[in-house]
């Protein structure tokens, strides 16, 4: 007698996988200008990574760089430097 076949794998989540897009946007924006946007896009990347079964590393890097940007800007401003480079 033959053993029954194993059940088929579950279907992938419905929707577009934007894990990499959110992660890269978060890293770029977190490094260059907006730490808060880096954190937001990092969160979106982690959320999509969990949904689609991918690695959330890009999201965590984006969040870390966003936090570093915010802390660095706070230290820069607290040391008496202006936000504008032309003054």
Protein backbone atom coordinates (compact mmCIF):
# COMPACT_ATOMS: atom_id res chain seq x y z
CA UNK A 1 0.00 0.00 0.00
CA UNK A 2 1.33 3.46 -0.90
CA UNK A 3 1.64 6.27 1.63
CA UNK A 4 -0.56 9.30 0.95
CA UNK A 5 1.02 12.39 -0.54
CA UNK A 6 1.84 15.26 1.82
CA UNK A 7 -0.47 18.25 1.64
CA UNK A 8 0.48 21.00 -0.81
CA UNK A 9 2.25 24.08 0.57
CA UNK A 10 0.05 27.06 1.45
CA UNK A 11 -0.41 29.65 -1.29
CA UNK A 12 1.76 32.77 -1.06
CA UNK A 13 0.28 35.92 0.41
CA UNK A 14 -1.80 37.93 -2.00
CA UNK A 15 -0.43 41.33 -2.96
CA UNK A 16 2.78 42.93 -4.11
CA UNK A 17 5.98 42.19 -2.27
CA UNK A 18 7.66 45.53 -1.59
CA UNK A 19 10.02 44.37 1.15
CA UNK A 20 13.17 45.40 -0.71
CA UNK A 21 11.67 48.68 -1.93
CA UNK A 22 10.71 49.80 1.59
CA UNK A 23 14.07 48.67 2.99
CA UNK A 24 16.16 50.51 0.42
CA UNK A 25 14.03 53.66 0.70
CA UNK A 26 14.40 53.53 4.47
CA UNK A 27 18.17 53.14 4.29
CA UNK A 28 18.63 55.96 1.77
CA UNK A 29 16.30 58.40 3.50
CA UNK A 30 17.58 57.44 6.94
CA UNK A 31 21.14 58.19 5.86
CA UNK A 32 20.61 61.32 3.81
CA UNK A 33 17.85 63.45 5.24
CA UNK A 34 14.92 62.18 7.24
CA UNK A 35 15.46 59.82 10.13
CA UNK A 36 11.75 59.54 10.80
CA UNK A 37 11.05 58.43 7.22
CA UNK A 38 13.85 55.88 7.55
CA UNK A 39 12.11 54.45 10.62
CA UNK A 40 8.70 54.40 8.90
CA UNK A 41 9.99 52.69 5.76
CA UNK A 42 11.99 50.26 7.90
CA UNK A 43 8.81 49.30 9.73
CA UNK A 44 7.00 48.78 6.41
CA UNK A 45 9.85 46.59 5.19
CA UNK A 46 9.75 44.42 8.32
CA UNK A 47 5.97 44.12 8.07
CA UNK A 48 6.14 42.97 4.44
CA UNK A 49 9.03 40.63 5.21
CA UNK A 50 6.92 38.84 7.82
CA UNK A 51 3.96 38.72 5.46
CA UNK A 52 5.92 37.24 2.53
CA UNK A 53 8.40 35.12 4.50
CA UNK A 54 11.52 37.12 3.64
CA UNK A 55 14.43 38.37 5.70
CA UNK A 56 13.73 41.61 7.65
CA UNK A 57 17.39 42.71 7.69
CA UNK A 58 16.90 45.72 5.39
CA UNK A 59 14.11 46.99 7.61
CA UNK A 60 16.21 46.71 10.76
CA UNK A 61 19.11 48.50 9.07
CA UNK A 62 16.77 51.29 7.94
CA UNK A 63 15.41 51.71 11.47
CA UNK A 64 18.91 51.75 12.95
CA UNK A 65 20.14 54.37 10.48
CA UNK A 66 17.04 56.48 11.05
CA UNK A 67 17.66 56.46 14.80
CA UNK A 68 21.35 57.28 14.29
CA UNK A 69 20.35 60.18 12.03
CA UNK A 70 17.92 61.57 14.61
CA UNK A 71 20.47 61.29 17.44
CA UNK A 72 23.23 62.77 15.29
CA UNK A 73 21.05 65.72 14.31
CA UNK A 74 20.09 66.30 17.96
CA UNK A 75 23.77 66.34 19.00
CA UNK A 76 24.66 68.62 16.07
CA UNK A 77 21.98 71.14 16.98
CA UNK A 78 22.74 70.95 20.71
CA UNK A 79 26.37 71.84 20.03
CA UNK A 80 25.28 75.23 18.68
CA UNK A 81 25.40 74.58 14.96
CA UNK A 82 22.67 75.96 12.77
CA UNK A 83 20.50 73.74 10.63
CA UNK A 84 21.36 75.88 7.62
CA UNK A 85 24.82 75.60 6.11
CA UNK A 86 24.86 79.07 4.51
CA UNK A 87 24.65 81.12 7.73
